[in-house]
Structures are given as C-alpha cells and as structure tokens.
Amino acid sequence: MKVLWFSNTAANADEYFNNQLKGTGGWLKALDQELQKHVSLHVAFYHKSDSSFNYQNTRYYPLLIKRRPWKKVLRKLGFSFVVNDEDLQQYLDIIYKVKPDVIHIHGTENPFGCIVPHTKVPVVVSIQGNITVYFHKFLSGFEKKYLFKCKVHLMQFASVLPSTMFFTEYNTFKKMALIERINLSKVRYIIGRTDWDRRITRVLAPQCKYFHNDEILRNSFYNAEWRMPDNSETFVIHTTNGNALYKGFETLCHSLKLLNDYGLKCEWRVAGISQSDLIYYLTKEKLNRDFPQHGLILMGNLSEYELVKSLLNSNVYVMPSHIENSPNNLCEAMILGMPCISTFVGGSGSLIQDKMNGLLVQSGDPWAIAGAIIEIAENNINANRLGENARLTALKKHNKEVIVRDLLEVYNQVLADN
C-alpha cells in the first residue's frame, strides 16, 4: 500500500535535517518510524527547501515556504496571514508524483484539506486539536485587553515594532477556524482518539465516517518508569506548557501562590516557557499580588531527554490548560507512571478517570488545583497508586503494535469504501 501524508511537521525527516525536536510533533516522528515498516510511506510538509529525498524507508517532499519580508513586518504590527489554497497546485503535483492509494492529512488546522474536492484518491483526516473550539476558548484565562499588550525589542529598527502580540495569534486562529470548518464540511473520513473529538466532529463534519486510532508517544517515555523521588525537603511539581493565553499558565501561577500561602515547600518546574515569553509578563500583570514570589522555575524548551529527566525527578504532573484534545505532555507523564492532575477539558476525560488513574479539576480553578496537589503531597500511598494506574492505562492506550495495526485497518476500510 502506498500512503501519502500531509503533515505540519517533518516527522522522521527531522533526523535527516539534524534538528533535534524540542516541543511538538515528536509523536508523528514515532508513528513514521513504525508505519514505514508496513507501507510505502511518503510525507509532505512545509520547509525552507523543496528538494525531495529518501531517509530510512520513507520518501519526503518538502513544500517550499514562501518568504515575503513585508508580511513579517506586518505581522509585527498585528496583521495575520494564513495559507488557504494558495499552494494547492504544489499539493496536487506531489499527489501526481506519488500516486498514493490513500492520502492522510494530519490535523484540521492546516491548509491541506483544500485538496479533498480536487483528487479522486480517498483522503482521511486526523484530528489533532480543533481551531474552531480553541478559538472559542482562546480568552478563557485572560480578558480581551491582554490581546493588545506586547513586548518591544529595545534594539535597532525592531525597537518600534512589537516582538510578540497575542492579537496576531487571535486573528490567525479566527481565519484558520473558518478554513477548518470549510474543509471539514468536505471530508469523508475522520480519525480521532477521544470522546471530545468524536463529538465535535459529529457537528462540524456530520457527513464523515469516524475511526478511532490512538497515538504513539516518543520512544524515551516507553523506556523509563517513575518512582517517588526523594524530595524530602522540596515537593516538585512539573508542567509542560506553551506561550499561549489558553494554556492555563495564569492558573498555574495562582495555584503556586496558594501553595506558598498554605506552607507547602514546593518548586513548580515549567518546561516550554521562559521569562522572555510574553505570557510570563502578562500573567505577572494580571495576577499582581497573586503572582508567586518564589518556587516558579521556568525551564524554556527542553529536549526529549531533558524532559524525561525532569519528569522523573518530580513528584506530580499538572496539566492546567483551558482546552486540549489529548495532550501528549499529559500522556507522556502518565506512561512514565506519574501521579497526574489535569483540568477536565476537551479530551482529558478520555485519558483520566478521576481518582482512579489521576485527578480531574475544573478549568481555571487555582484553589482546586492547589488542593489536589496537597492531596498528592500528603498521601504517598495514593500518589503511587494513581501513578501505577496511569502507567497501566497509558501502556495500553499507546501500544505501538495495536496503533499501527488499527491505522492500517483504517486505511484498508477507506480503500474498500471507494
């Protein structure tokens, strides 16, 4: 079987470019490595070059990013630009070269969905997040006025331009959500992995046939197992987050302030955010006296191996977001066997069963998060029980062989339906 992916990331070509992944997309790299053993796999993705190449058992087709300096300047001024169907011919050219049996688009938020009406090859689309709902929840943690606040570079020409402003991202999400809804209305086959994405696609794409297929995690997380660390003096909390308004960083910081007031001697490590990120400054402004004075450790972007090390040396994992589907950061903590606390948002209820393999709390409630952390900190037996159950759940959910088998069955069902 010949399969063509359209992807937001370079998947396993990341190794070819000698570019160690820090952040998103690692799960797709892992799936590439497994699936290429079973099919003739071809992957198209945006990149700064456009020369196709073979790496291991996959053929890669970089799509040239069209760089326009004037757009970069306008983005700094708050204007947003998204790709819709401008590169359609590039997509169709790759389809013509590959002549795939099945096309698999990873994500509804990208422009690749525009190919559906223009090809006779069956197309299946995986739900990653959903921009329509993410846009709806964009301002769950901050008032609208914070969209217009920015940081300014204090050097050279850039000193007159904002370096970061969430207003641009907000407008980008708004445009992407519209494109997403249009593309979903034309798709016939959807792959999802949670009750949440199944339910929203019933509304956004009622014409679709829905298939369930879980995700493979990064290899390092299968090969390590958490044990309660000897942090007798300091209780360590870990979160992997991002520079975004809807990721719950303000709830995290408020929760830490409450823990400080309670008297729990703790340290909250946050991977993915640094003090130079706009979300840090906006959160300090918003919380004011409720911003923690100590215990907040911003680690910036970590490699896969650095992240595993930090998790294994932590006492609990907390996912504070206002919206997610099945966040890989939470899945990775669960498969390590950590006790986990998560907001009950999006697809998190398909990962955690409250009090069985983790704790679920209300989104945006720092008092509930702080209270849940105290429960973990004051009961090692329960913490270990939750962690052990989390690992059992995650090992079953993220079983590589089962996931590849199920995905191949999806491809075969789609082919049989055409």
Protein backbone atom coordinates (compact mmCIF):
# COMPACT_ATOMS: atom_id res chain seq x y z
CA MET A 1 0.00 0.00 0.00
CA LYS A 2 1.26 3.46 -0.90
CA VAL A 3 0.34 6.16 1.65
CA LEU A 4 0.90 9.92 1.34
CA TRP A 5 0.89 12.05 4.47
CA PHE A 6 0.44 15.82 4.56
CA SER A 7 1.86 16.97 7.90
CA ASN A 8 2.52 20.10 9.94
CA THR A 9 5.92 18.72 10.92
CA ALA A 10 8.79 16.98 9.19
CA ALA A 11 8.10 13.71 11.08
CA ASN A 12 11.18 11.48 10.94
CA ALA A 13 12.88 13.77 8.41
CA ASP A 14 13.74 15.81 11.50
CA GLU A 15 16.68 13.44 11.99
CA TYR A 16 17.73 13.91 8.36
CA PHE A 17 17.90 17.66 8.94
CA ASN A 18 19.84 17.00 12.16
CA ASN A 19 17.36 19.14 14.03
CA GLN A 20 16.57 17.74 17.46
CA LEU A 21 12.89 18.24 18.21
CA LYS A 22 12.09 20.43 21.19
CA GLY A 23 8.36 20.71 21.57
CA THR A 24 5.60 19.44 19.29
CA GLY A 25 5.47 16.77 16.64
CA GLY A 26 7.51 14.02 18.29
CA TRP A 27 4.58 11.59 18.25
CA LEU A 28 4.34 11.88 14.44
CA LYS A 29 8.03 11.12 14.15
CA ALA A 30 7.46 7.96 16.21
CA LEU A 31 4.50 6.92 14.03
CA ASP A 32 6.56 7.49 10.87
CA GLN A 33 9.27 5.17 12.22
CA GLU A 34 6.74 2.40 12.90
CA LEU A 35 4.44 2.72 9.89
CA GLN A 36 7.26 2.78 7.31
CA LYS A 37 7.84 -0.90 8.19
CA HIS A 38 4.43 -1.79 6.77
CA VAL A 39 3.64 0.54 3.86
CA SER A 40 5.34 2.64 1.20
CA LEU A 41 5.22 5.91 3.13
CA HIS A 42 5.56 9.39 1.63
CA VAL A 43 5.44 12.58 3.71
CA ALA A 44 4.83 16.17 2.53
CA PHE A 45 5.49 19.12 4.85
CA TYR A 46 6.47 22.79 4.72
CA HIS A 47 10.18 23.58 4.87
CA LYS A 48 12.73 26.15 3.73
CA SER A 49 13.80 23.87 0.85
CA ASP A 50 11.81 21.96 -1.77
CA SER A 51 14.07 19.04 -2.74
CA SER A 52 12.56 15.61 -2.11
CA PHE A 53 14.71 12.88 -0.57
CA ASN A 54 14.67 9.39 0.93
CA TYR A 55 15.51 8.79 4.57
CA GLN A 56 15.35 5.33 6.07
CA ASN A 57 12.24 3.79 4.45
CA THR A 58 10.22 6.98 3.85
CA ARG A 59 10.22 9.45 0.95
CA TYR A 60 9.91 13.12 1.97
CA TYR A 61 8.58 16.04 -0.06
CA PRO A 62 9.34 19.46 1.45
CA LEU A 63 6.95 22.21 0.40
CA LEU A 64 8.80 25.48 -0.02
CA ILE A 65 7.78 28.16 2.44
CA LYS A 66 7.26 31.36 0.51
CA ARG A 67 9.04 34.08 2.45
CA ARG A 68 7.81 37.62 1.99
CA PRO A 69 9.65 40.17 4.18
CA TRP A 70 6.77 42.64 4.05
CA LYS A 71 4.49 40.06 5.66
CA LYS A 72 6.96 39.64 8.52
CA VAL A 73 6.84 43.37 9.19
CA LEU A 74 3.04 43.45 9.03
CA ARG A 75 2.78 40.51 11.42
CA LYS A 76 4.78 42.52 13.97
CA LEU A 77 2.18 45.25 13.60
CA GLY A 78 -0.63 42.81 14.38
CA PHE A 79 -1.71 41.69 10.91
CA SER A 80 -2.28 37.96 10.43
CA PHE A 81 -1.77 35.82 7.33
CA VAL A 82 -2.74 32.19 6.82
CA VAL A 83 -2.27 29.83 3.90
CA ASN A 84 -5.57 28.63 2.47
CA ASP A 85 -5.47 27.14 -1.04
CA GLU A 86 -2.62 29.22 -2.47
CA ASP A 87 -0.35 26.17 -2.62
CA LEU A 88 -2.97 23.75 -3.91
CA GLN A 89 -1.05 23.11 -7.12
CA GLN A 90 2.03 22.11 -5.11
CA TYR A 91 -0.08 19.58 -3.20
CA LEU A 92 -1.61 18.20 -6.41
CA ASP A 93 1.82 17.92 -8.04
CA ILE A 94 3.03 15.75 -5.16
CA ILE A 95 -0.10 13.61 -5.37
CA TYR A 96 0.55 13.16 -9.10
CA LYS A 97 4.17 12.13 -8.46
CA VAL A 98 3.41 9.71 -5.65
CA LYS A 99 0.14 8.23 -6.98
CA PRO A 100 -0.88 7.09 -3.49
CA ASP A 101 -3.63 4.63 -2.61
CA VAL A 102 -4.60 6.72 0.42
CA ILE A 103 -3.91 10.31 1.48
CA HIS A 104 -3.69 11.01 5.22
CA ILE A 105 -3.82 14.64 6.41
CA HIS A 106 -2.59 15.14 9.97
CA GLY A 107 -4.55 18.00 11.51
CA THR A 108 -7.61 20.01 10.52
CA GLU A 109 -5.97 23.36 11.27
CA ASN A 110 -3.63 23.26 8.26
CA PRO A 111 -4.46 24.20 4.63
CA PHE A 112 -4.01 20.69 3.23
CA GLY A 113 -7.73 19.96 3.49
CA CYS A 114 -8.31 22.01 0.35
CA ILE A 115 -7.17 19.02 -1.73
CA VAL A 116 -10.28 16.95 -0.94
CA PRO A 117 -12.50 18.23 -3.81
CA HIS A 118 -9.57 18.10 -6.25
CA THR A 119 -8.45 14.48 -6.05
CA LYS A 120 -10.07 11.09 -6.59
CA VAL A 121 -7.68 9.48 -4.10
CA PRO A 122 -9.50 8.79 -0.81
CA VAL A 123 -8.49 11.25 1.92
CA VAL A 124 -8.63 10.62 5.67
CA VAL A 125 -8.02 13.46 8.15
CA SER A 126 -6.72 13.07 11.71
CA ILE A 127 -7.99 15.38 14.43
CA GLN A 128 -5.10 16.81 16.44
CA GLY A 129 -6.62 19.86 18.08
CA ASN A 130 -9.54 21.82 16.73
CA ILE A 131 -9.00 25.50 15.97
CA THR A 132 -12.73 26.25 15.95
CA VAL A 133 -13.06 25.24 19.60
CA TYR A 134 -9.61 26.55 20.54
CA PHE A 135 -10.58 29.97 19.18
CA HIS A 136 -13.80 29.80 21.20
CA LYS A 137 -11.73 29.12 24.35
CA PHE A 138 -8.86 31.47 23.45
CA LEU A 139 -9.70 34.06 26.12
CA SER A 140 -10.69 31.65 28.89
CA GLY A 141 -7.81 32.78 31.10
CA PHE A 142 -7.36 36.43 30.13
CA GLU A 143 -9.59 39.40 29.37
CA LYS A 144 -9.62 40.70 25.79
CA LYS A 145 -7.50 43.74 26.70
CA TYR A 146 -4.47 41.45 27.05
CA LEU A 147 -4.60 40.66 23.32
CA PHE A 148 -3.24 44.12 22.59
CA LYS A 149 -0.40 44.16 25.09
CA CYS A 150 3.02 43.45 23.68
CA LYS A 151 6.75 43.38 24.32
CA VAL A 152 9.09 45.62 22.38
CA HIS A 153 12.64 44.91 21.26
CA LEU A 154 14.96 47.55 22.66
CA MET A 155 17.44 47.50 19.81
CA GLN A 156 17.87 48.74 16.24
CA PHE A 157 14.93 49.02 13.84
CA ALA A 158 12.84 46.47 15.69
CA SER A 159 12.57 48.89 18.61
CA VAL A 160 9.49 50.45 17.03
CA LEU A 161 7.76 47.12 16.42
CA PRO A 162 6.17 44.69 18.89
CA SER A 163 8.06 41.41 19.02
CA THR A 164 5.10 39.46 20.33
CA MET A 165 1.39 40.19 20.47
CA PHE A 166 -1.40 37.70 21.03
CA PHE A 167 -3.77 39.83 18.94
CA THR A 168 -2.00 38.48 15.85
CA GLU A 169 -2.41 34.88 17.00
CA TYR A 170 -6.05 35.55 17.88
CA ASN A 171 -6.77 36.83 14.35
CA THR A 172 -4.82 33.94 12.85
CA PHE A 173 -6.91 31.44 14.81
CA LYS A 174 -10.07 33.21 13.66
CA LYS A 175 -9.10 32.83 9.99
CA MET A 176 -7.86 29.27 10.44
CA ALA A 177 -11.09 28.27 12.17
CA LEU A 178 -13.10 29.41 9.16
CA ILE A 179 -10.87 27.47 6.76
CA GLU A 180 -11.06 24.45 9.07
CA ARG A 181 -14.87 24.44 9.06
CA ILE A 182 -14.99 24.73 5.27
CA ASN A 183 -12.54 21.87 4.81
CA LEU A 184 -14.25 19.66 7.39
CA SER A 185 -17.53 20.06 5.53
CA LYS A 186 -15.94 18.27 2.55
CA VAL A 187 -14.07 15.47 4.33
CA ARG A 188 -15.48 11.92 4.25
CA TYR A 189 -13.21 10.16 6.75
CA ILE A 190 -12.02 11.33 10.17
CA ILE A 191 -9.57 9.72 12.62
CA GLY A 192 -9.84 10.77 16.27
CA ARG A 193 -8.89 9.47 19.70
CA THR A 194 -11.17 10.98 22.36
CA ASP A 195 -14.86 11.34 23.13
CA TRP A 196 -14.37 15.09 22.67
CA ASP A 197 -13.08 15.00 19.09
CA ARG A 198 -15.69 12.37 18.18
CA ARG A 199 -18.49 14.60 19.49
CA ILE A 200 -17.34 17.84 17.92
CA THR A 201 -16.86 16.21 14.50
CA ARG A 202 -20.43 14.91 14.69
CA VAL A 203 -21.40 18.57 14.50
CA LEU A 204 -18.61 20.01 12.34
CA ALA A 205 -18.49 17.12 9.87
CA PRO A 206 -21.75 15.13 10.16
CA GLN A 207 -21.15 13.53 6.76
CA CYS A 208 -17.95 11.82 7.97
CA LYS A 209 -17.23 8.26 8.95
CA TYR A 210 -15.29 8.38 12.23
CA PHE A 211 -12.46 5.98 13.13
CA HIS A 212 -10.66 5.66 16.48
CA ASN A 213 -6.87 5.48 16.44
CA ASP A 214 -4.59 6.40 19.33
CA GLU A 215 -1.14 7.99 19.12
CA ILE A 216 2.35 6.60 19.54
CA LEU A 217 4.45 8.56 22.02
CA ARG A 218 8.15 9.37 21.83
CA ASN A 219 10.38 6.35 22.46
CA SER A 220 12.11 7.66 25.59
CA PHE A 221 8.84 7.67 27.52
CA TYR A 222 8.27 3.95 26.98
CA ASN A 223 11.73 3.13 28.29
CA ALA A 224 11.61 4.95 31.64
CA GLU A 225 9.48 4.49 34.74
CA TRP A 226 8.78 6.99 37.52
CA ARG A 227 9.50 6.22 41.15
CA MET A 228 8.68 8.54 44.02
CA PRO A 229 11.75 10.81 44.22
CA ASP A 230 13.45 11.55 47.50
CA ASN A 231 12.50 15.21 47.63
CA SER A 232 12.00 15.29 51.36
CA GLU A 233 12.70 19.00 51.64
CA THR A 234 11.03 20.28 48.46
CA PHE A 235 7.93 18.90 46.73
CA VAL A 236 8.48 19.20 42.96
CA ILE A 237 5.62 19.84 40.52
CA HIS A 238 6.13 19.64 36.75
CA THR A 239 4.13 21.10 33.86
CA THR A 240 4.95 21.25 30.16
CA ASN A 241 3.22 24.32 28.78
CA GLY A 242 3.46 26.88 26.00
CA ASN A 243 3.48 30.61 25.27
CA ALA A 244 -0.30 30.82 24.72
CA LEU A 245 -3.19 32.51 26.52
CA TYR A 246 -5.39 29.40 26.70
CA LYS A 247 -2.80 27.02 28.21
CA GLY A 248 -3.64 27.95 31.80
CA PHE A 249 -0.31 29.46 32.83
CA GLU A 250 -2.13 32.10 34.88
CA THR A 251 -3.99 29.34 36.78
CA LEU A 252 -0.69 27.54 37.38
CA CYS A 253 0.93 30.64 38.85
CA HIS A 254 -2.07 31.47 41.04
CA SER A 255 -2.09 27.86 42.29
CA LEU A 256 1.57 28.14 43.24
CA LYS A 257 0.87 31.32 45.21
CA LEU A 258 -1.87 29.47 47.12
CA LEU A 259 0.54 26.61 47.86
CA ASN A 260 3.12 29.11 49.13
CA ASP A 261 0.48 30.63 51.41
CA TYR A 262 -0.54 27.17 52.62
CA GLY A 263 3.04 26.48 53.62
CA LEU A 264 3.89 23.66 51.23
CA LYS A 265 7.58 23.94 50.44
CA CYS A 266 7.48 23.30 46.71
CA GLU A 267 9.06 24.05 43.38
CA TRP A 268 6.97 24.23 40.19
CA ARG A 269 9.03 23.49 37.09
CA VAL A 270 7.54 24.65 33.79
CA ALA A 271 9.03 23.38 30.54
CA GLY A 272 8.23 25.27 27.34
CA ILE A 273 8.10 28.76 28.87
CA SER A 274 10.90 31.18 29.68
CA GLN A 275 10.97 34.61 31.32
CA SER A 276 11.33 36.22 27.89
CA ASP A 277 7.92 34.94 26.77
CA LEU A 278 5.01 37.35 26.64
CA ILE A 279 2.75 35.03 28.65
CA TYR A 280 5.08 35.44 31.64
CA TYR A 281 4.76 39.25 31.61
CA LEU A 282 1.01 39.23 31.06
CA THR A 283 0.48 36.74 33.88
CA LYS A 284 2.53 38.86 36.29
CA GLU A 285 0.44 41.90 35.35
CA LYS A 286 -2.87 40.06 35.62
CA LEU A 287 -2.23 38.31 38.93
CA ASN A 288 -0.37 41.19 40.58
CA ARG A 289 -0.22 40.23 44.28
CA ASP A 290 -1.39 36.70 43.47
CA PHE A 291 1.73 36.02 41.40
CA PRO A 292 4.09 33.69 43.32
CA GLN A 293 7.18 35.28 44.82
CA HIS A 294 9.18 32.05 44.87
CA GLY A 295 9.12 28.46 43.65
CA LEU A 296 8.43 29.11 39.95
CA ILE A 297 11.16 27.60 37.74
CA LEU A 298 10.83 28.40 34.02
CA MET A 299 12.94 25.89 32.07
CA GLY A 300 12.34 27.00 28.48
CA ASN A 301 12.30 24.43 25.69
CA LEU A 302 13.73 21.06 26.67
CA SER A 303 14.90 18.16 24.54
CA GLU A 304 13.10 14.84 24.84
CA TYR A 305 15.81 13.50 27.15
CA GLU A 306 15.95 16.62 29.32
CA LEU A 307 12.19 16.47 29.70
CA VAL A 308 12.20 12.82 30.78
CA LYS A 309 14.87 13.59 33.37
CA SER A 310 12.88 16.49 34.81
CA LEU A 311 9.68 14.42 35.00
CA LEU A 312 11.39 11.52 36.74
CA ASN A 313 12.71 13.94 39.37
CA SER A 314 9.26 15.45 40.05
CA ASN A 315 6.54 14.39 42.50
CA VAL A 316 3.46 15.18 40.42
CA TYR A 317 2.46 16.30 36.92
CA VAL A 318 -0.14 19.05 36.42
CA MET A 319 -1.91 19.95 33.15
CA PRO A 320 -3.71 23.32 33.69
CA SER A 321 -4.95 24.12 30.14
CA HIS A 322 -8.36 25.58 29.33
CA ILE A 323 -8.68 23.43 26.19
CA GLU A 324 -6.80 20.40 24.79
CA ASN A 325 -7.66 17.25 22.88
CA SER A 326 -5.42 14.50 24.27
CA PRO A 327 -2.31 16.48 25.24
CA ASN A 328 0.83 14.46 24.61
CA ASN A 329 2.55 16.08 27.59
CA LEU A 330 -0.07 14.55 29.90
CA CYS A 331 0.08 11.18 28.09
CA GLU A 332 3.87 11.14 28.47
CA ALA A 333 3.66 11.79 32.21
CA MET A 334 1.05 9.04 32.55
CA ILE A 335 3.09 6.44 30.68
CA LEU A 336 6.05 7.18 32.96
CA GLY A 337 3.76 6.27 35.85
CA MET A 338 3.50 9.71 37.47
CA PRO A 339 0.54 10.82 39.57
CA CYS A 340 -1.21 13.37 37.35
CA ILE A 341 -3.64 16.22 37.87
CA SER A 342 -5.47 17.63 34.86
CA THR A 343 -8.18 20.12 34.13
CA PHE A 344 -11.32 18.41 32.85
CA VAL A 345 -11.23 19.94 29.37
CA GLY A 346 -11.53 18.66 25.81
CA GLY A 347 -10.35 15.07 25.65
CA SER A 348 -8.70 14.82 29.08
CA GLY A 349 -11.69 12.85 30.35
CA SER A 350 -10.80 10.11 27.87
CA LEU A 351 -7.34 9.87 29.45
CA ILE A 352 -8.00 10.23 33.17
CA GLN A 353 -10.71 8.61 35.23
CA ASP A 354 -10.96 10.79 38.32
CA LYS A 355 -9.48 9.25 41.49
CA MET A 356 -8.60 6.05 39.60
CA ASN A 357 -5.56 6.96 37.46
CA GLY A 358 -5.32 10.69 38.19
CA LEU A 359 -7.26 13.67 39.46
CA LEU A 360 -9.54 15.92 37.38
CA VAL A 361 -10.30 19.51 38.38
CA GLN A 362 -12.26 22.39 36.94
CA SER A 363 -10.54 24.59 34.35
CA GLY A 364 -9.40 27.96 35.67
CA ASP A 365 -9.75 26.99 39.34
CA PRO A 366 -6.40 27.53 41.13
CA TRP A 367 -7.87 26.59 44.51
CA ALA A 368 -8.92 23.15 43.22
CA ILE A 369 -5.53 22.58 41.58
CA ALA A 370 -3.68 23.62 44.75
CA GLY A 371 -5.94 21.38 46.84
CA ALA A 372 -5.36 18.42 44.53
CA ILE A 373 -1.59 18.94 44.75
CA ILE A 374 -1.80 18.98 48.53
CA GLU A 375 -3.72 15.66 48.41
CA ILE A 376 -0.85 14.13 46.42
CA ALA A 377 1.84 15.69 48.61
CA GLU A 378 0.28 14.44 51.85
CA ASN A 379 -0.51 10.87 50.76
CA ASN A 380 2.37 8.97 49.14
CA ILE A 381 0.39 5.72 49.04
CA ASN A 382 -2.39 7.29 46.99
CA ALA A 383 0.14 9.11 44.80
CA ASN A 384 1.85 5.83 43.96
CA ARG A 385 -1.49 4.12 43.30
CA LEU A 386 -2.59 6.84 40.89
CA GLY A 387 0.78 6.71 39.12
CA GLU A 388 0.73 2.93 38.74
CA ASN A 389 -2.81 3.04 37.32
CA ALA A 390 -1.85 5.89 34.99
CA ARG A 391 1.01 3.83 33.59
CA LEU A 392 -1.19 0.78 33.02
CA THR A 393 -3.76 2.95 31.23
CA ALA A 394 -1.16 4.67 29.06
CA LEU A 395 0.74 1.49 28.14
CA LYS A 396 -2.49 0.02 26.81
CA LYS A 397 -3.61 3.21 25.07
CA HIS A 398 -0.26 3.90 23.42
CA ASN A 399 0.66 0.34 22.42
CA LYS A 400 2.70 0.76 19.22
CA GLU A 401 1.71 -2.53 17.60
CA VAL A 402 -2.00 -2.00 18.23
CA ILE A 403 -1.90 1.59 16.97
CA VAL A 404 -0.15 0.63 13.72
CA ARG A 405 -2.49 -2.33 13.23
CA ASP A 406 -5.56 -0.14 13.77
CA LEU A 407 -4.26 2.56 11.43
CA LEU A 408 -3.64 0.02 8.67
CA GLU A 409 -7.17 -1.26 9.19
CA VAL A 410 -8.49 2.30 8.80
CA TYR A 411 -6.62 2.66 5.51
CA ASN A 412 -7.99 -0.70 4.30
CA GLN A 413 -11.56 0.26 5.25
CA VAL A 414 -11.24 3.57 3.45
CA LEU A 415 -9.92 1.80 0.34
CA ALA A 416 -12.73 -0.76 0.49
CA ASP A 417 -15.24 2.08 0.69
CA ASN A 418 -14.02 3.57 -2.62
